[in-house]
Each structure stands twice: as structure tokens, then as C-alpha cells.
C-alpha atoms as a PDB file:
ATOM      1  CA  MET A   1      14.412   1.329  30.215  1.00  0.00           C
ATOM      2  CA  ASN A   2      17.148   3.713  29.302  1.00  0.00           C
ATOM      3  CA  GLU A   3      17.032   6.389  26.656  1.00  0.00           C
ATOM      4  CA  ASN A   4      19.156   4.456  24.116  1.00  0.00           C
ATOM      5  CA  GLU A   5      16.616   1.599  24.000  1.00  0.00           C
ATOM      6  CA  ASP A   6      13.819   4.099  23.416  1.00  0.00           C
ATOM      7  CA  THR A   7      15.725   5.669  20.519  1.00  0.00           C
ATOM      8  CA  GLY A   8      16.297   2.226  18.981  1.00  0.00           C
ATOM      9  CA  GLY A   9      12.586   1.458  19.239  1.00  0.00           C
ATOM     10  CA  GLU A  10      11.687   4.745  17.624  1.00  0.00           C
ATOM     11  CA  SER A  11      14.042   4.137  14.718  1.00  0.00           C
ATOM     12  CA  PHE A  12      12.705   0.593  14.291  1.00  0.00           C
ATOM     13  CA  TYR A  13       9.064   1.690  14.194  1.00  0.00           C
ATOM     14  CA  SER A  14       9.807   4.713  11.999  1.00  0.00           C
ATOM     15  CA  GLY A  15      11.085   2.267   9.384  1.00  0.00           C
ATOM     16  CA  ALA A  16       7.625   0.723   9.022  1.00  0.00           C
ATOM     17  CA  LEU A  17       6.677   3.105   6.207  1.00  0.00           C
ATOM     18  CA  THR A  18       9.657   1.920   4.193  1.00  0.00           C
ATOM     19  CA  ARG A  19       9.120  -1.781   4.966  1.00  0.00           C
ATOM     20  CA  ILE A  20       5.395  -1.924   4.145  1.00  0.00           C
ATOM     21  CA  PRO A  21       5.858  -1.121   0.412  1.00  0.00           C
ATOM     22  CA  HIS A  22       8.536  -3.814   0.225  1.00  0.00           C
ATOM     23  CA  PHE A  23       6.120  -6.327   1.752  1.00  0.00           C
ATOM     24  CA  MET A  24       3.465  -5.161  -0.695  1.00  0.00           C
ATOM     25  CA  ILE A  25       5.723  -5.752  -3.717  1.00  0.00           C
ATOM     26  CA  ALA A  26       6.711  -9.213  -2.490  1.00  0.00           C
ATOM     27  CA  LEU A  27       3.087 -10.152  -1.830  1.00  0.00           C
ATOM     28  CA  ALA A  28       1.995  -8.833  -5.226  1.00  0.00           C
ATOM     29  CA  LEU A  29       4.565 -10.976  -7.013  1.00  0.00           C
ATOM     30  CA  VAL A  30       3.865 -14.139  -5.032  1.00  0.00           C
ATOM     31  CA  LEU A  31       0.082 -13.818  -5.032  1.00  0.00           C
ATOM     32  CA  SER A  32      -0.117 -12.850  -8.719  1.00  0.00           C
ATOM     33  CA  SER A  33       1.821 -16.000  -9.578  1.00  0.00           C
ATOM     34  CA  ALA A  34      -0.419 -18.074  -7.330  1.00  0.00           C
ATOM     35  CA  ALA A  35      -3.538 -16.534  -8.892  1.00  0.00           C
ATOM     36  CA  TRP A  36      -2.197 -17.368 -12.359  1.00  0.00           C
ATOM     37  CA  LEU A  37      -1.647 -20.985 -11.385  1.00  0.00           C
ATOM     38  CA  ARG A  38      -4.944 -21.387  -9.532  1.00  0.00           C
ATOM     39  CA  PHE A  39      -7.422 -19.204 -11.456  1.00  0.00           C
ATOM     40  CA  GLY A  40      -5.851 -18.521 -14.859  1.00  0.00           C
ATOM     41  CA  TRP A  41      -4.287 -15.545 -16.538  1.00  0.00           C
ATOM     42  CA  ARG A  42      -7.378 -13.314 -16.705  1.00  0.00           C
ATOM     43  CA  ILE A  43      -7.910 -13.171 -12.969  1.00  0.00           C
ATOM     44  CA  ALA A  44      -4.142 -12.969 -12.397  1.00  0.00           C
ATOM     45  CA  VAL A  45      -3.899  -9.925 -14.673  1.00  0.00           C
ATOM     46  CA  GLY A  46      -6.845  -8.330 -12.879  1.00  0.00           C
ATOM     47  CA  PHE A  47      -5.167  -9.076  -9.565  1.00  0.00           C
ATOM     48  CA  ALA A  48      -1.860  -7.582 -10.753  1.00  0.00           C
ATOM     49  CA  CYS A  49      -3.676  -4.431 -11.920  1.00  0.00           C
ATOM     50  CA  GLY A  50      -5.410  -4.187  -8.547  1.00  0.00           C
ATOM     51  CA  CYS A  51      -2.063  -4.583  -6.795  1.00  0.00           C
ATOM     52  CA  ALA A  52      -0.504  -1.849  -8.933  1.00  0.00           C
ATOM     53  CA  ILE A  53      -3.375   0.522  -8.201  1.00  0.00           C
ATOM     54  CA  ALA A  54      -3.254  -0.310  -4.483  1.00  0.00           C
ATOM     55  CA  TYR A  55       0.506   0.292  -4.374  1.00  0.00           C
ATOM     56  CA  LEU A  56       0.154   3.624  -6.164  1.00  0.00           C
ATOM     57  CA  ASN A  57      -2.773   4.548  -3.923  1.00  0.00           C
ATOM     58  CA  PHE A  58      -0.714   3.738  -0.809  1.00  0.00           C
ATOM     59  CA  HIS A  59       2.175   5.863  -2.082  1.00  0.00           C
ATOM     60  CA  TRP A  60      -0.090   8.801  -2.905  1.00  0.00           C
ATOM     61  CA  LEU A  61      -1.927   8.512   0.396  1.00  0.00           C
ATOM     62  CA  GLU A  62       1.397   8.599   2.225  1.00  0.00           C
ATOM     63  CA  ARG A  63       2.320  11.792   0.357  1.00  0.00           C
ATOM     64  CA  VAL A  64      -1.055  13.419   1.094  1.00  0.00           C
ATOM     65  CA  VAL A  65      -0.784  12.635   4.802  1.00  0.00           C
ATOM     66  CA  SER A  66       2.773  13.963   4.874  1.00  0.00           C
ATOM     67  CA  THR A  67       1.697  17.138   3.065  1.00  0.00           C
ATOM     68  CA  LEU A  68      -1.205  17.659   5.438  1.00  0.00           C
ATOM     69  CA  ALA A  69       1.061  17.094   8.450  1.00  0.00           C
ATOM     70  CA  ASP A  70       3.573  19.595   7.073  1.00  0.00           C
ATOM     71  CA  ARG A  71       0.788  22.055   6.453  1.00  0.00           C
ATOM     72  CA  ALA A  72      -0.515  21.583  10.001  1.00  0.00           C
ATOM     73  CA  THR A  73       2.925  22.201  11.460  1.00  0.00           C
ATOM     74  CA  GLN A  74       3.705  24.772   8.753  1.00  0.00           C
ATOM     75  CA  SER A  75       7.216  23.410   8.373  1.00  0.00           C
ATOM     76  CA  ALA A  76       7.211  22.875   4.594  1.00  0.00           C
ATOM     77  CA  TYR A  77       6.354  24.951   1.592  1.00  0.00           C
ATOM     78  CA  LYS A  78       2.673  25.621   1.027  1.00  0.00           C
ATOM     79  CA  GLN A  79       1.110  23.432  -1.619  1.00  0.00           C
ATOM     80  CA  SER A  80      -2.204  24.470  -3.065  1.00  0.00           C
ATOM     81  CA  SER A  81      -5.312  22.853  -1.641  1.00  0.00           C
ATOM     82  CA  SER A  82      -6.588  22.185  -5.141  1.00  0.00           C
ATOM     83  CA  GLY A  83      -3.487  20.082  -5.893  1.00  0.00           C
ATOM     84  CA  ILE A  84      -4.071  17.946  -2.805  1.00  0.00           C
ATOM     85  CA  VAL A  85      -7.745  17.493  -3.633  1.00  0.00           C
ATOM     86  CA  PHE A  86      -6.942  16.700  -7.280  1.00  0.00           C
ATOM     87  CA  ARG A  87      -4.529  13.914  -6.332  1.00  0.00           C
ATOM     88  CA  PHE A  88      -7.014  12.601  -3.775  1.00  0.00           C
ATOM     89  CA  LEU A  89      -9.777  12.382  -6.387  1.00  0.00           C
ATOM     90  CA  LEU A  90      -7.428  11.085  -9.075  1.00  0.00           C
ATOM     91  CA  ARG A  91      -6.838   7.937  -7.005  1.00  0.00           C
ATOM     92  CA  TYR A  92     -10.528   7.048  -7.082  1.00  0.00           C
ATOM     93  CA  PHE A  93     -10.876   7.929 -10.752  1.00  0.00           C
ATOM     94  CA  LEU A  94      -7.928   5.651 -11.531  1.00  0.00           C
ATOM     95  CA  MET A  95      -9.552   2.756  -9.653  1.00  0.00           C
ATOM     96  CA  ALA A  96     -12.870   3.294 -11.428  1.00  0.00           C
ATOM     97  CA  ALA A  97     -11.236   3.544 -14.860  1.00  0.00           C
ATOM     98  CA  ALA A  98      -9.233   0.358 -14.299  1.00  0.00           C
ATOM     99  CA  ALA A  99     -12.327  -1.495 -13.088  1.00  0.00           C
ATOM    100  CA  TYR A 100     -14.272  -0.360 -16.151  1.00  0.00           C
ATOM    101  CA  ALA A 101     -11.480  -1.307 -18.567  1.00  0.00           C
ATOM    102  CA  ILE A 102     -11.000  -4.705 -17.002  1.00  0.00           C
ATOM    103  CA  PHE A 103     -14.741  -5.332 -16.784  1.00  0.00           C
ATOM    104  CA  SER A 104     -15.192  -4.511 -20.474  1.00  0.00           C
ATOM    105  CA  VAL A 105     -12.417  -6.975 -21.441  1.00  0.00           C
ATOM    106  CA  SER A 106     -13.160  -9.787 -19.002  1.00  0.00           C
ATOM    107  CA  PRO A 107     -15.844  -9.588 -16.298  1.00  0.00           C
ATOM    108  CA  ALA A 108     -14.130 -12.379 -14.335  1.00  0.00           C
ATOM    109  CA  SER A 109     -10.982 -10.260 -14.002  1.00  0.00           C
ATOM    110  CA  VAL A 110     -12.866  -7.724 -11.906  1.00  0.00           C
ATOM    111  CA  PHE A 111     -12.787 -10.188  -9.000  1.00  0.00           C
ATOM    112  CA  GLY A 112      -9.008 -10.280  -9.284  1.00  0.00           C
ATOM    113  CA  LEU A 113      -8.887  -6.478  -9.439  1.00  0.00           C
ATOM    114  CA  PHE A 114     -10.934  -6.104  -6.272  1.00  0.00           C
ATOM    115  CA  ALA A 115      -8.809  -8.718  -4.495  1.00  0.00           C
ATOM    116  CA  GLY A 116      -5.645  -6.872  -5.551  1.00  0.00           C
ATOM    117  CA  LEU A 117      -6.952  -3.633  -4.051  1.00  0.00           C
ATOM    118  CA  PHE A 118      -6.560  -5.262  -0.625  1.00  0.00           C
ATOM    119  CA  LEU A 119      -2.782  -5.469  -1.045  1.00  0.00           C
ATOM    120  CA  PRO A 120      -2.046  -2.789   1.608  1.00  0.00           C
ATOM    121  CA  VAL A 121      -3.902  -4.891   4.173  1.00  0.00           C
ATOM    122  CA  GLY A 122      -1.521  -7.770   3.479  1.00  0.00           C
ATOM    123  CA  GLY A 123       1.498  -5.472   3.602  1.00  0.00           C
ATOM    124  CA  ILE A 124       0.429  -4.049   6.955  1.00  0.00           C
ATOM    125  CA  ALA A 125      -0.277  -7.561   8.291  1.00  0.00           C
ATOM    126  CA  CYS A 126       3.236  -8.643   7.243  1.00  0.00           C
ATOM    127  CA  GLU A 127       4.686  -5.587   8.987  1.00  0.00           C
ATOM    128  CA  ALA A 128       2.730  -6.402  12.153  1.00  0.00           C
ATOM    129  CA  ALA A 129       3.965 -10.005  12.074  1.00  0.00           C
ATOM    130  CA  TYR A 130       7.533  -8.763  11.547  1.00  0.00           C
ATOM    131  CA  GLU A 131       7.265  -6.386  14.500  1.00  0.00           C
ATOM    132  CA  VAL A 132       5.912  -9.176  16.727  1.00  0.00           C
ATOM    133  CA  TYR A 133       8.731 -11.461  15.606  1.00  0.00           C
ATOM    134  CA  MET A 134      11.351  -8.798  16.313  1.00  0.00           C
ATOM    135  CA  ALA A 135       9.824  -8.067  19.727  1.00  0.00           C
ATOM    136  CA  LEU A 136       9.927 -11.748  20.629  1.00  0.00           C
ATOM    137  CA  ALA A 137      13.460 -12.169  19.260  1.00  0.00           C
ATOM    138  CA  ARG A 138      14.660  -9.228  21.349  1.00  0.00           C
ATOM    139  CA  GLY A 139      12.898 -10.523  24.438  1.00  0.00           C
ATOM    140  CA  PHE A 140      10.420  -7.625  24.564  1.00  0.00           C
END
């Protein structure tokens, strides 16, 4: 393998963090519509809320990991530790508040909310399938 192929592979795999959110949005739209048709609007709304929280959580987690990596390499400006911890805890507070609000309106919607929180798993699975497809299409 020459060096140009290695660089192409690196650029392909480095694009995964930009492709996964796109897969997540597409899955959220398709699966929310399917949940509406199959289970009704209450569970579909709960699912959509879970998807929104999961997407936001994924975005914030990506930022926290990037900040921690920059701090470890000391290549970026220093952000306060309390700000990192606050955003980390805010994610869980947001999930709990949404679960409480949805549960108080419609207990059945909580099942949709919890299912929507698994959206990143679907996005990562789509990315893995895409990478396998591309590897097979390129002939390894």
C-alpha cells in the first residue's frame, strides 16, 4: 500500500463524525414517521423528543471529547473545568426533565422517548454499514 492510499483512508474515516449526525437526522425523520403510523402521535412525539435529545447529547459529547483532547494536548485555549462539568451534567438534567414532562402528559410517550434516546446507536450502525459498503465497492 502506498502513502496516497493511506491518506485517502484517513480522510474517509475522519469524515465519520460529520456523516453520523446526517444518518441520525435521516433516521429520526423516517422512524418518527413510522412510529406515528404504527403507534400513534403520542408515542411518535415522545420518540421525536428522544431523538432531539439524543442528537443534542451526541453533539455536546463530541464537543466535550474535543475539549478534553485539546486540553490533554494543550493546543487550544483553556476552558474552565466547571464549564465542562456543567455541560456534562446539563445533558442528563435535560433528559430527566424531558422524561418527566412527557410522563406527566402521556405515560405511553415515555416508551417513545426512551426508544428515541437510542438514535446514536442507529446512526453509528448506518456509518458502519456505509464503511463496509465502501470497502467492498473499492475492493478492500
